[in-house]
Amino acid sequence: MNDSELPIPLSNALEQPEWVLRTMQQLKKDADLSGIEWPDETPPVGYEVWMDYLTQKLQQMERQNPEYLSRFLYRVDLPEKQFMQSPVINHELSLAVLKREFMKVWFKHHYKP
């Protein structure tokens, strides 16, 4: 999924406090449902800050227990081929997770009765 497939550019959304908070809540929800402790933190603001933050979180999951990362990515609903292509946790994987989580938030906001 590229940025043009998103309803609004992801980089723009991650500058808006409402979308930042909602996306962080979705990340926490999916982590919690995966059995992963995700601390309540002030959400990062800004695209690059998000990429660094999420990459660190994913690397931490992998270090603690690689199965945690697999469960989380499954819960996020990231296609397996997307995270099996590269065994290294990097900004590319973080971007895929962030886009998927943002899409969930956006769809809930616009299509929830």
PDB file of N, CA and C in Angstrom:
ATOM      1  N   MET A   1       0.849  -1.167   0.000  1.00  0.00           N
ATOM      2  CA  MET A   1       0.000   0.000   0.000  1.00  0.00           C
ATOM      3  C   MET A   1       0.897   1.231   0.000  1.00  0.00           C
ATOM      4  N   ASN A   2       0.681   2.105  -0.949  1.00  0.00           N
ATOM      5  CA  ASN A   2       1.473   3.326  -0.952  1.00  0.00           C
ATOM      6  C   ASN A   2       0.618   4.480  -0.428  1.00  0.00           C
ATOM      7  N   ASP A   3       1.266   5.595  -0.215  1.00  0.00           N
ATOM      8  CA  ASP A   3       0.591   6.740   0.395  1.00  0.00           C
ATOM      9  C   ASP A   3      -0.597   7.214  -0.437  1.00  0.00           C
ATOM     10  N   SER A   4      -0.548   7.007  -1.745  1.00  0.00           N
ATOM     11  CA  SER A   4      -1.655   7.460  -2.591  1.00  0.00           C
ATOM     12  C   SER A   4      -2.911   6.611  -2.387  1.00  0.00           C
ATOM     13  N   GLU A   5      -2.764   5.422  -1.811  1.00  0.00           N
ATOM     14  CA  GLU A   5      -3.922   4.576  -1.546  1.00  0.00           C
ATOM     15  C   GLU A   5      -4.579   4.932  -0.215  1.00  0.00           C
ATOM     16  N   LEU A   6      -3.959   5.760   0.572  1.00  0.00           N
ATOM     17  CA  LEU A   6      -4.520   6.161   1.848  1.00  0.00           C
ATOM     18  C   LEU A   6      -5.523   7.285   1.641  1.00  0.00           C
ATOM     19  N   PRO A   7      -6.536   7.370   2.507  1.00  0.00           N
ATOM     20  CA  PRO A   7      -7.554   8.414   2.343  1.00  0.00           C
ATOM     21  C   PRO A   7      -6.993   9.823   2.480  1.00  0.00           C
ATOM     22  N   ILE A   8      -6.038   9.996   3.368  1.00  0.00           N
ATOM     23  CA  ILE A   8      -5.284  11.252   3.456  1.00  0.00           C
ATOM     24  C   ILE A   8      -3.833  10.843   3.611  1.00  0.00           C
ATOM     25  N   PRO A   9      -2.902  11.663   3.164  1.00  0.00           N
ATOM     26  CA  PRO A   9      -1.502  11.268   3.291  1.00  0.00           C
ATOM     27  C   PRO A   9      -1.147  10.981   4.751  1.00  0.00           C
ATOM     28  N   LEU A  10      -0.496   9.848   4.958  1.00  0.00           N
ATOM     29  CA  LEU A  10      -0.122   9.420   6.306  1.00  0.00           C
ATOM     30  C   LEU A  10       0.742  10.459   6.997  1.00  0.00           C
ATOM     31  N   SER A  11       1.682  11.024   6.275  1.00  0.00           N
ATOM     32  CA  SER A  11       2.561  12.022   6.890  1.00  0.00           C
ATOM     33  C   SER A  11       1.761  13.224   7.384  1.00  0.00           C
ATOM     34  N   ASN A  12       0.690  13.608   6.666  1.00  0.00           N
ATOM     35  CA  ASN A  12      -0.176  14.707   7.125  1.00  0.00           C
ATOM     36  C   ASN A  12      -0.959  14.296   8.359  1.00  0.00           C
ATOM     37  N   ALA A  13      -1.487  13.089   8.338  1.00  0.00           N
ATOM     38  CA  ALA A  13      -2.298  12.611   9.460  1.00  0.00           C
ATOM     39  C   ALA A  13      -1.481  12.552  10.741  1.00  0.00           C
ATOM     40  N   LEU A  14      -0.223  12.182  10.630  1.00  0.00           N
ATOM     41  CA  LEU A  14       0.612  12.032  11.824  1.00  0.00           C
ATOM     42  C   LEU A  14       1.114  13.361  12.370  1.00  0.00           C
ATOM     43  N   GLU A  15       0.660  14.432  11.789  1.00  0.00           N
ATOM     44  CA  GLU A  15       0.930  15.765  12.328  1.00  0.00           C
ATOM     45  C   GLU A  15      -0.298  16.298  13.059  1.00  0.00           C
ATOM     46  N   GLN A  16      -1.425  15.601  12.943  1.00  0.00           N
ATOM     47  CA  GLN A  16      -2.680  16.048  13.544  1.00  0.00           C
ATOM     48  C   GLN A  16      -2.935  15.267  14.836  1.00  0.00           C
ATOM     49  N   PRO A  17      -3.024  15.960  15.969  1.00  0.00           N
ATOM     50  CA  PRO A  17      -3.160  15.291  17.269  1.00  0.00           C
ATOM     51  C   PRO A  17      -4.290  14.264  17.340  1.00  0.00           C
ATOM     52  N   GLU A  18      -5.421  14.533  16.715  1.00  0.00           N
ATOM     53  CA  GLU A  18      -6.547  13.590  16.762  1.00  0.00           C
ATOM     54  C   GLU A  18      -6.170  12.245  16.138  1.00  0.00           C
ATOM     55  N   TRP A  19      -5.561  12.287  14.959  1.00  0.00           N
ATOM     56  CA  TRP A  19      -5.186  11.048  14.267  1.00  0.00           C
ATOM     57  C   TRP A  19      -4.034  10.352  14.972  1.00  0.00           C
ATOM     58  N   VAL A  20      -3.114  11.129  15.519  1.00  0.00           N
ATOM     59  CA  VAL A  20      -1.989  10.555  16.256  1.00  0.00           C
ATOM     60  C   VAL A  20      -2.512   9.761  17.445  1.00  0.00           C
ATOM     61  N   LEU A  21      -3.393  10.362  18.219  1.00  0.00           N
ATOM     62  CA  LEU A  21      -3.935   9.701  19.405  1.00  0.00           C
ATOM     63  C   LEU A  21      -4.726   8.443  19.029  1.00  0.00           C
ATOM     64  N   ARG A  22      -5.557   8.541  18.034  1.00  0.00           N
ATOM     65  CA  ARG A  22      -6.363   7.380  17.617  1.00  0.00           C
ATOM     66  C   ARG A  22      -5.490   6.238  17.096  1.00  0.00           C
ATOM     67  N   THR A  23      -4.457   6.582  16.349  1.00  0.00           N
ATOM     68  CA  THR A  23      -3.567   5.550  15.825  1.00  0.00           C
ATOM     69  C   THR A  23      -2.797   4.887  16.962  1.00  0.00           C
ATOM     70  N   MET A  24      -2.347   5.674  17.929  1.00  0.00           N
ATOM     71  CA  MET A  24      -1.651   5.125  19.086  1.00  0.00           C
ATOM     72  C   MET A  24      -2.582   4.204  19.876  1.00  0.00           C
ATOM     73  N   GLN A  25      -3.827   4.591  20.039  1.00  0.00           N
ATOM     74  CA  GLN A  25      -4.789   3.750  20.757  1.00  0.00           C
ATOM     75  C   GLN A  25      -5.009   2.424  20.020  1.00  0.00           C
ATOM     76  N   GLN A  26      -5.039   2.472  18.698  1.00  0.00           N
ATOM     77  CA  GLN A  26      -5.213   1.245  17.917  1.00  0.00           C
ATOM     78  C   GLN A  26      -3.992   0.341  18.059  1.00  0.00           C
ATOM     79  N   LEU A  27      -2.801   0.918  18.025  1.00  0.00           N
ATOM     80  CA  LEU A  27      -1.580   0.133  18.226  1.00  0.00           C
ATOM     81  C   LEU A  27      -1.596  -0.549  19.596  1.00  0.00           C
ATOM     82  N   LYS A  28      -1.967   0.212  20.613  1.00  0.00           N
ATOM     83  CA  LYS A  28      -2.016  -0.332  21.969  1.00  0.00           C
ATOM     84  C   LYS A  28      -3.056  -1.440  22.067  1.00  0.00           C
ATOM     85  N   LYS A  29      -4.213  -1.226  21.470  1.00  0.00           N
ATOM     86  CA  LYS A  29      -5.280  -2.234  21.498  1.00  0.00           C
ATOM     87  C   LYS A  29      -4.806  -3.538  20.864  1.00  0.00           C
ATOM     88  N   ASP A  30      -4.190  -3.448  19.690  1.00  0.00           N
ATOM     89  CA  ASP A  30      -3.720  -4.650  19.014  1.00  0.00           C
ATOM     90  C   ASP A  30      -2.594  -5.326  19.780  1.00  0.00           C
ATOM     91  N   ALA A  31      -1.734  -4.550  20.406  1.00  0.00           N
ATOM     92  CA  ALA A  31      -0.668  -5.127  21.227  1.00  0.00           C
ATOM     93  C   ALA A  31      -1.274  -5.848  22.422  1.00  0.00           C
ATOM     94  N   ASP A  32      -2.192  -5.199  23.103  1.00  0.00           N
ATOM     95  CA  ASP A  32      -2.842  -5.810  24.264  1.00  0.00           C
ATOM     96  C   ASP A  32      -3.548  -7.111  23.878  1.00  0.00           C
ATOM     97  N   LEU A  33      -4.258  -7.103  22.763  1.00  0.00           N
ATOM     98  CA  LEU A  33      -4.953  -8.306  22.302  1.00  0.00           C
ATOM     99  C   LEU A  33      -3.982  -9.414  21.877  1.00  0.00           C
ATOM    100  N   SER A  34      -2.745  -9.037  21.626  1.00  0.00           N
ATOM    101  CA  SER A  34      -1.709 -10.010  21.264  1.00  0.00           C
ATOM    102  C   SER A  34      -0.948 -10.502  22.488  1.00  0.00           C
ATOM    103  N   GLY A  35      -1.317  -9.985  23.665  1.00  0.00           N
ATOM    104  CA  GLY A  35      -0.636 -10.388  24.890  1.00  0.00           C
ATOM    105  C   GLY A  35       0.669  -9.644  25.123  1.00  0.00           C
ATOM    106  N   ILE A  36       0.802  -8.501  24.490  1.00  0.00           N
ATOM    107  CA  ILE A  36       2.023  -7.707  24.599  1.00  0.00           C
ATOM    108  C   ILE A  36       1.719  -6.454  25.404  1.00  0.00           C
ATOM    109  N   GLU A  37       2.528  -6.197  26.392  1.00  0.00           N
ATOM    110  CA  GLU A  37       2.323  -5.005  27.204  1.00  0.00           C
ATOM    111  C   GLU A  37       2.795  -3.785  26.429  1.00  0.00           C
ATOM    112  N   TRP A  38       1.903  -2.858  26.217  1.00  0.00           N
ATOM    113  CA  TRP A  38       2.225  -1.609  25.507  1.00  0.00           C
ATOM    114  C   TRP A  38       1.911  -0.489  26.476  1.00  0.00           C
ATOM    115  N   PRO A  39       2.928   0.169  26.997  1.00  0.00           N
ATOM    116  CA  PRO A  39       2.682   1.181  28.026  1.00  0.00           C
ATOM    117  C   PRO A  39       1.888   2.375  27.498  1.00  0.00           C
ATOM    118  N   ASP A  40       1.126   2.980  28.419  1.00  0.00           N
ATOM    119  CA  ASP A  40       0.441   4.220  28.076  1.00  0.00           C
ATOM    120  C   ASP A  40       1.504   5.294  27.983  1.00  0.00           C
ATOM    121  N   GLU A  41       1.649   5.837  26.814  1.00  0.00           N
ATOM    122  CA  GLU A  41       2.666   6.855  26.576  1.00  0.00           C
ATOM    123  C   GLU A  41       2.052   8.006  25.801  1.00  0.00           C
ATOM    124  N   THR A  42       2.704   9.129  25.887  1.00  0.00           N
ATOM    125  CA  THR A  42       2.302  10.248  25.053  1.00  0.00           C
ATOM    126  C   THR A  42       2.653   9.881  23.621  1.00  0.00           C
ATOM    127  N   PRO A  43       1.667   9.933  22.730  1.00  0.00           N
ATOM    128  CA  PRO A  43       1.959   9.548  21.350  1.00  0.00           C
ATOM    129  C   PRO A  43       2.970  10.481  20.701  1.00  0.00           C
ATOM    130  N   PRO A  44       3.839   9.923  19.894  1.00  0.00           N
ATOM    131  CA  PRO A  44       4.788  10.766  19.176  1.00  0.00           C
ATOM    132  C   PRO A  44       4.057  11.596  18.125  1.00  0.00           C
ATOM    133  N   VAL A  45       4.617  12.717  17.795  1.00  0.00           N
ATOM    134  CA  VAL A  45       4.033  13.569  16.760  1.00  0.00           C
ATOM    135  C   VAL A  45       5.083  13.750  15.672  1.00  0.00           C
ATOM    136  N   GLY A  46       4.659  13.594  14.466  1.00  0.00           N
ATOM    137  CA  GLY A  46       5.561  13.757  13.334  1.00  0.00           C
ATOM    138  C   GLY A  46       5.912  12.410  12.720  1.00  0.00           C
ATOM    139  N   TYR A  47       5.977  12.397  11.443  1.00  0.00           N
ATOM    140  CA  TYR A  47       6.184  11.169  10.678  1.00  0.00           C
ATOM    141  C   TYR A  47       7.485  10.458  11.054  1.00  0.00           C
ATOM    142  N   GLU A  48       8.603  11.151  11.021  1.00  0.00           N
ATOM    143  CA  GLU A  48       9.895  10.524  11.314  1.00  0.00           C
ATOM    144  C   GLU A  48       9.972  10.034  12.749  1.00  0.00           C
ATOM    145  N   VAL A  49       9.396  10.783  13.664  1.00  0.00           N
ATOM    146  CA  VAL A  49       9.383  10.375  15.065  1.00  0.00           C
ATOM    147  C   VAL A  49       8.584   9.078  15.213  1.00  0.00           C
ATOM    148  N   TRP A  50       7.460   8.986  14.511  1.00  0.00           N
ATOM    149  CA  TRP A  50       6.660   7.765  14.535  1.00  0.00           C
ATOM    150  C   TRP A  50       7.450   6.581  14.006  1.00  0.00           C
ATOM    151  N   MET A  51       8.150   6.782  12.914  1.00  0.00           N
ATOM    152  CA  MET A  51       8.920   5.680  12.320  1.00  0.00           C
ATOM    153  C   MET A  51       9.964   5.162  13.306  1.00  0.00           C
ATOM    154  N   ASP A  52      10.680   6.076  13.938  1.00  0.00           N
ATOM    155  CA  ASP A  52      11.695   5.667  14.918  1.00  0.00           C
ATOM    156  C   ASP A  52      11.054   4.968  16.112  1.00  0.00           C
ATOM    157  N   TYR A  53       9.973   5.538  16.609  1.00  0.00           N
ATOM    158  CA  TYR A  53       9.269   4.992  17.771  1.00  0.00           C
ATOM    159  C   TYR A  53       8.783   3.568  17.490  1.00  0.00           C
ATOM    160  N   LEU A  54       8.099   3.392  16.380  1.00  0.00           N
ATOM    161  CA  LEU A  54       7.520   2.094  16.067  1.00  0.00           C
ATOM    162  C   LEU A  54       8.606   1.060  15.750  1.00  0.00           C
ATOM    163  N   THR A  55       9.647   1.463  15.071  1.00  0.00           N
ATOM    164  CA  THR A  55      10.750   0.543  14.787  1.00  0.00           C
ATOM    165  C   THR A  55      11.370   0.046  16.086  1.00  0.00           C
ATOM    166  N   GLN A  56      11.573   0.932  17.037  1.00  0.00           N
ATOM    167  CA  GLN A  56      12.120   0.530  18.337  1.00  0.00           C
ATOM    168  C   GLN A  56      11.185  -0.440  19.045  1.00  0.00           C
ATOM    169  N   LYS A  57       9.879  -0.169  19.006  1.00  0.00           N
ATOM    170  CA  LYS A  57       8.905  -1.061  19.648  1.00  0.00           C
ATOM    171  C   LYS A  57       8.929  -2.446  19.010  1.00  0.00           C
ATOM    172  N   LEU A  58       8.973  -2.517  17.697  1.00  0.00           N
ATOM    173  CA  LEU A  58       8.983  -3.805  17.004  1.00  0.00           C
ATOM    174  C   LEU A  58      10.277  -4.565  17.300  1.00  0.00           C
ATOM    175  N   GLN A  59      11.395  -3.856  17.329  1.00  0.00           N
ATOM    176  CA  GLN A  59      12.667  -4.500  17.665  1.00  0.00           C
ATOM    177  C   GLN A  59      12.650  -5.032  19.098  1.00  0.00           C
ATOM    178  N   GLN A  60      12.040  -4.276  19.993  1.00  0.00           N
ATOM    179  CA  GLN A  60      11.923  -4.704  21.388  1.00  0.00           C
ATOM    180  C   GLN A  60      11.080  -5.984  21.475  1.00  0.00           C
ATOM    181  N   MET A  61       9.977  -6.040  20.759  1.00  0.00           N
ATOM    182  CA  MET A  61       9.139  -7.241  20.741  1.00  0.00           C
ATOM    183  C   MET A  61       9.940  -8.444  20.265  1.00  0.00           C
ATOM    184  N   GLU A  62      10.691  -8.233  19.196  1.00  0.00           N
ATOM    185  CA  GLU A  62      11.466  -9.336  18.623  1.00  0.00           C
ATOM    186  C   GLU A  62      12.537  -9.825  19.607  1.00  0.00           C
ATOM    187  N   ARG A  63      13.175  -8.894  20.311  1.00  0.00           N
ATOM    188  CA  ARG A  63      14.206  -9.281  21.291  1.00  0.00           C
ATOM    189  C   ARG A  63      13.600 -10.056  22.461  1.00  0.00           C
ATOM    190  N   GLN A  64      12.451  -9.595  22.937  1.00  0.00           N
ATOM    191  CA  GLN A  64      11.820 -10.246  24.084  1.00  0.00           C
ATOM    192  C   GLN A  64      11.370 -11.658  23.736  1.00  0.00           C
ATOM    193  N   ASN A  65      10.721 -11.788  22.588  1.00  0.00           N
ATOM    194  CA  ASN A  65      10.233 -13.079  22.142  1.00  0.00           C
ATOM    195  C   ASN A  65       9.737 -12.909  20.705  1.00  0.00           C
ATOM    196  N   PRO A  66      10.407 -13.543  19.741  1.00  0.00           N
ATOM    197  CA  PRO A  66      10.004 -13.383  18.341  1.00  0.00           C
ATOM    198  C   PRO A  66       8.535 -13.741  18.083  1.00  0.00           C
ATOM    199  N   GLU A  67       7.993 -14.626  18.914  1.00  0.00           N
ATOM    200  CA  GLU A  67       6.583 -14.988  18.738  1.00  0.00           C
ATOM    201  C   GLU A  67       5.671 -13.791  19.028  1.00  0.00           C
ATOM    202  N   TYR A  68       6.097 -12.911  19.939  1.00  0.00           N
ATOM    203  CA  TYR A  68       5.309 -11.704  20.230  1.00  0.00           C
ATOM    204  C   TYR A  68       5.130 -10.868  18.971  1.00  0.00           C
ATOM    205  N   LEU A  69       6.222 -10.721  18.261  1.00  0.00           N
ATOM    206  CA  LEU A  69       6.175  -9.921  17.036  1.00  0.00           C
ATOM    207  C   LEU A  69       5.231 -10.562  16.021  1.00  0.00           C
ATOM    208  N   SER A  70       5.327 -11.862  15.846  1.00  0.00           N
ATOM    209  CA  SER A  70       4.453 -12.561  14.900  1.00  0.00           C
ATOM    210  C   SER A  70       2.988 -12.402  15.287  1.00  0.00           C
ATOM    211  N   ARG A  71       2.679 -12.544  16.574  1.00  0.00           N
ATOM    212  CA  ARG A  71       1.294 -12.381  17.035  1.00  0.00           C
ATOM    213  C   ARG A  71       0.789 -10.964  16.780  1.00  0.00           C
ATOM    214  N   PHE A  72       1.657  -9.997  17.068  1.00  0.00           N
ATOM    215  CA  PHE A  72       1.266  -8.610  16.871  1.00  0.00           C
ATOM    216  C   PHE A  72       1.000  -8.320  15.395  1.00  0.00           C
ATOM    217  N   LEU A  73       1.889  -8.757  14.524  1.00  0.00           N
ATOM    218  CA  LEU A  73       1.719  -8.506  13.094  1.00  0.00           C
ATOM    219  C   LEU A  73       0.475  -9.213  12.559  1.00  0.00           C
ATOM    220  N   TYR A  74       0.172 -10.376  13.099  1.00  0.00           N
ATOM    221  CA  TYR A  74      -1.050 -11.084  12.721  1.00  0.00           C
ATOM    222  C   TYR A  74      -2.274 -10.272  13.157  1.00  0.00           C
ATOM    223  N   ARG A  75      -2.235  -9.759  14.378  1.00  0.00           N
ATOM    224  CA  ARG A  75      -3.351  -8.977  14.922  1.00  0.00           C
ATOM    225  C   ARG A  75      -3.538  -7.680  14.137  1.00  0.00           C
ATOM    226  N   VAL A  76      -2.435  -7.080  13.736  1.00  0.00           N
ATOM    227  CA  VAL A  76      -2.494  -5.845  12.944  1.00  0.00           C
ATOM    228  C   VAL A  76      -3.132  -6.138  11.586  1.00  0.00           C
ATOM    229  N   ASP A  77      -3.050  -7.398  11.170  1.00  0.00           N
ATOM    230  CA  ASP A  77      -3.588  -7.843   9.890  1.00  0.00           C
ATOM    231  C   ASP A  77      -2.681  -7.428   8.743  1.00  0.00           C
ATOM    232  N   LEU A  78      -1.397  -7.525   9.007  1.00  0.00           N
ATOM    233  CA  LEU A  78      -0.406  -7.247   7.980  1.00  0.00           C
ATOM    234  C   LEU A  78      -0.194  -8.523   7.174  1.00  0.00           C
ATOM    235  N   PRO A  79      -0.297  -8.479   5.866  1.00  0.00           N
ATOM    236  CA  PRO A  79      -0.076  -9.684   5.070  1.00  0.00           C
ATOM    237  C   PRO A  79       1.300 -10.289   5.367  1.00  0.00           C
ATOM    238  N   GLU A  80       1.323 -11.600   5.553  1.00  0.00           N
ATOM    239  CA  GLU A  80       2.558 -12.281   5.929  1.00  0.00           C
ATOM    240  C   GLU A  80       3.691 -12.008   4.949  1.00  0.00           C
ATOM    241  N   LYS A  81       3.373 -11.952   3.668  1.00  0.00           N
ATOM    242  CA  LYS A  81       4.431 -11.710   2.677  1.00  0.00           C
ATOM    243  C   LYS A  81       5.117 -10.367   2.913  1.00  0.00           C
ATOM    244  N   GLN A  82       4.389  -9.420   3.511  1.00  0.00           N
ATOM    245  CA  GLN A  82       4.972  -8.106   3.750  1.00  0.00           C
ATOM    246  C   GLN A  82       6.044  -8.141   4.828  1.00  0.00           C
ATOM    247  N   PHE A  83       5.883  -8.983   5.832  1.00  0.00           N
ATOM    248  CA  PHE A  83       6.893  -9.005   6.875  1.00  0.00           C
ATOM    249  C   PHE A  83       7.851 -10.181   6.749  1.00  0.00           C
ATOM    250  N   MET A  84       7.593 -11.103   5.841  1.00  0.00           N
ATOM    251  CA  MET A  84       8.512 -12.216   5.636  1.00  0.00           C
ATOM    252  C   MET A  84       9.592 -11.864   4.615  1.00  0.00           C
ATOM    253  N   GLN A  85       9.395 -10.798   3.855  1.00  0.00           N
ATOM    254  CA  GLN A  85      10.361 -10.413   2.832  1.00  0.00           C
ATOM    255  C   GLN A  85      11.691  -9.995   3.439  1.00  0.00           C
ATOM    256  N   SER A  86      11.633  -9.355   4.591  1.00  0.00           N
ATOM    257  CA  SER A  86      12.857  -8.859   5.211  1.00  0.00           C
ATOM    258  C   SER A  86      12.901  -9.327   6.655  1.00  0.00           C
ATOM    259  N   PRO A  87      13.950 -10.086   7.014  1.00  0.00           N
ATOM    260  CA  PRO A  87      14.046 -10.564   8.395  1.00  0.00           C
ATOM    261  C   PRO A  87      14.467  -9.463   9.372  1.00  0.00           C
ATOM    262  N   VAL A  88      14.787  -8.308   8.848  1.00  0.00           N
ATOM    263  CA  VAL A  88      15.258  -7.205   9.681  1.00  0.00           C
ATOM    264  C   VAL A  88      14.095  -6.249   9.974  1.00  0.00           C
ATOM    265  N   ILE A  89      13.979  -5.864  11.240  1.00  0.00           N
ATOM    266  CA  ILE A  89      12.966  -4.882  11.615  1.00  0.00           C
ATOM    267  C   ILE A  89      13.519  -3.517  11.234  1.00  0.00           C
ATOM    268  N   ASN A  90      12.828  -2.844  10.315  1.00  0.00           N
ATOM    269  CA  ASN A  90      13.304  -1.553   9.838  1.00  0.00           C
ATOM    270  C   ASN A  90      12.122  -0.616   9.615  1.00  0.00           C
ATOM    271  N   HIS A  91      12.408   0.550   9.093  1.00  0.00           N
ATOM    272  CA  HIS A  91      11.347   1.534   8.860  1.00  0.00           C
ATOM    273  C   HIS A  91      10.325   1.042   7.838  1.00  0.00           C
ATOM    274  N   GLU A  92      10.730   0.178   6.940  1.00  0.00           N
ATOM    275  CA  GLU A  92       9.800  -0.334   5.938  1.00  0.00           C
ATOM    276  C   GLU A  92       8.691  -1.154   6.612  1.00  0.00           C
ATOM    277  N   LEU A  93       9.064  -2.019   7.542  1.00  0.00           N
ATOM    278  CA  LEU A  93       8.065  -2.801   8.272  1.00  0.00           C
ATOM    279  C   LEU A  93       7.228  -1.881   9.165  1.00  0.00           C
ATOM    280  N   SER A  94       7.879  -0.931   9.807  1.00  0.00           N
ATOM    281  CA  SER A  94       7.155   0.021  10.658  1.00  0.00           C
ATOM    282  C   SER A  94       6.138   0.807   9.849  1.00  0.00           C
ATOM    283  N   LEU A  95       6.520   1.205   8.669  1.00  0.00           N
ATOM    284  CA  LEU A  95       5.608   1.953   7.801  1.00  0.00           C
ATOM    285  C   LEU A  95       4.403   1.094   7.415  1.00  0.00           C
ATOM    286  N   ALA A  96       4.632  -0.168   7.098  1.00  0.00           N
ATOM    287  CA  ALA A  96       3.532  -1.063   6.745  1.00  0.00           C
ATOM    288  C   ALA A  96       2.566  -1.216   7.921  1.00  0.00           C
ATOM    289  N   VAL A  97       3.101  -1.377   9.131  1.00  0.00           N
ATOM    290  CA  VAL A  97       2.261  -1.498  10.326  1.00  0.00           C
ATOM    291  C   VAL A  97       1.486  -0.204  10.552  1.00  0.00           C
ATOM    292  N   LEU A  98       2.187   0.901  10.471  1.00  0.00           N
ATOM    293  CA  LEU A  98       1.558   2.192  10.724  1.00  0.00           C
ATOM    294  C   LEU A  98       0.438   2.482   9.720  1.00  0.00           C
ATOM    295  N   LYS A  99       0.673   2.186   8.465  1.00  0.00           N
ATOM    296  CA  LYS A  99      -0.353   2.397   7.444  1.00  0.00           C
ATOM    297  C   LYS A  99      -1.578   1.540   7.719  1.00  0.00           C
ATOM    298  N   ARG A 100      -1.348   0.292   8.080  1.00  0.00           N
ATOM    299  CA  ARG A 100      -2.473  -0.609   8.340  1.00  0.00           C
ATOM    300  C   ARG A 100      -3.274  -0.135   9.554  1.00  0.00           C
ATOM    301  N   GLU A 101      -2.582   0.254  10.614  1.00  0.00           N
ATOM    302  CA  GLU A 101      -3.265   0.727  11.811  1.00  0.00           C
ATOM    303  C   GLU A 101      -4.013   2.037  11.528  1.00  0.00           C
ATOM    304  N   PHE A 102      -3.395   2.914  10.783  1.00  0.00           N
ATOM    305  CA  PHE A 102      -4.058   4.170  10.427  1.00  0.00           C
ATOM    306  C   PHE A 102      -5.316   3.895   9.601  1.00  0.00           C
ATOM    307  N   MET A 103      -5.236   2.947   8.675  1.00  0.00           N
ATOM    308  CA  MET A 103      -6.410   2.610   7.856  1.00  0.00           C
ATOM    309  C   MET A 103      -7.550   2.112   8.736  1.00  0.00           C
ATOM    310  N   LYS A 104      -7.243   1.287   9.727  1.00  0.00           N
ATOM    311  CA  LYS A 104      -8.281   0.804  10.647  1.00  0.00           C
ATOM    312  C   LYS A 104      -8.958   1.996  11.336  1.00  0.00           C
ATOM    313  N   VAL A 105      -8.155   2.911  11.811  1.00  0.00           N
ATOM    314  CA  VAL A 105      -8.673   4.092  12.516  1.00  0.00           C
ATOM    315  C   VAL A 105      -9.523   4.936  11.580  1.00  0.00           C
ATOM    316  N   TRP A 106      -9.024   5.170  10.391  1.00  0.00           N
ATOM    317  CA  TRP A 106      -9.731   6.010   9.426  1.00  0.00           C
ATOM    318  C   TRP A 106     -11.084   5.396   9.053  1.00  0.00           C
ATOM    319  N   PHE A 107     -11.077   4.082   8.767  1.00  0.00           N
ATOM    320  CA  PHE A 107     -12.331   3.421   8.401  1.00  0.00           C
ATOM    321  C   PHE A 107     -13.326   3.428   9.559  1.00  0.00           C
ATOM    322  N   LYS A 108     -12.862   3.179  10.766  1.00  0.00           N
ATOM    323  CA  LYS A 108     -13.764   3.219  11.925  1.00  0.00           C
ATOM    324  C   LYS A 108     -14.376   4.606  12.074  1.00  0.00           C
ATOM    325  N   HIS A 109     -13.559   5.617  11.881  1.00  0.00           N
ATOM    326  CA  HIS A 109     -14.027   7.003  12.030  1.00  0.00           C
ATOM    327  C   HIS A 109     -15.080   7.354  10.973  1.00  0.00           C
ATOM    328  N   HIS A 110     -14.870   6.909   9.751  1.00  0.00           N
ATOM    329  CA  HIS A 110     -15.741   7.318   8.659  1.00  0.00           C
ATOM    330  C   HIS A 110     -16.910   6.374   8.377  1.00  0.00           C
ATOM    331  N   TYR A 111     -16.838   5.139   8.830  1.00  0.00           N
ATOM    332  CA  TYR A 111     -17.881   4.190   8.485  1.00  0.00           C
ATOM    333  C   TYR A 111     -18.577   3.562   9.683  1.00  0.00           C
ATOM    334  N   LYS A 112     -18.248   3.992  10.876  1.00  0.00           N
ATOM    335  CA  LYS A 112     -18.911   3.469  12.063  1.00  0.00           C
ATOM    336  C   LYS A 112     -20.203   4.263  12.278  1.00  0.00           C
ATOM    337  N   PRO A 113     -21.316   3.536  12.476  1.00  0.00           N
ATOM    338  CA  PRO A 113     -22.598   4.255  12.643  1.00  0.00           C
ATOM    339  C   PRO A 113     -22.647   5.095  13.904  1.00  0.00           C
TER     340      PRO A 113
END
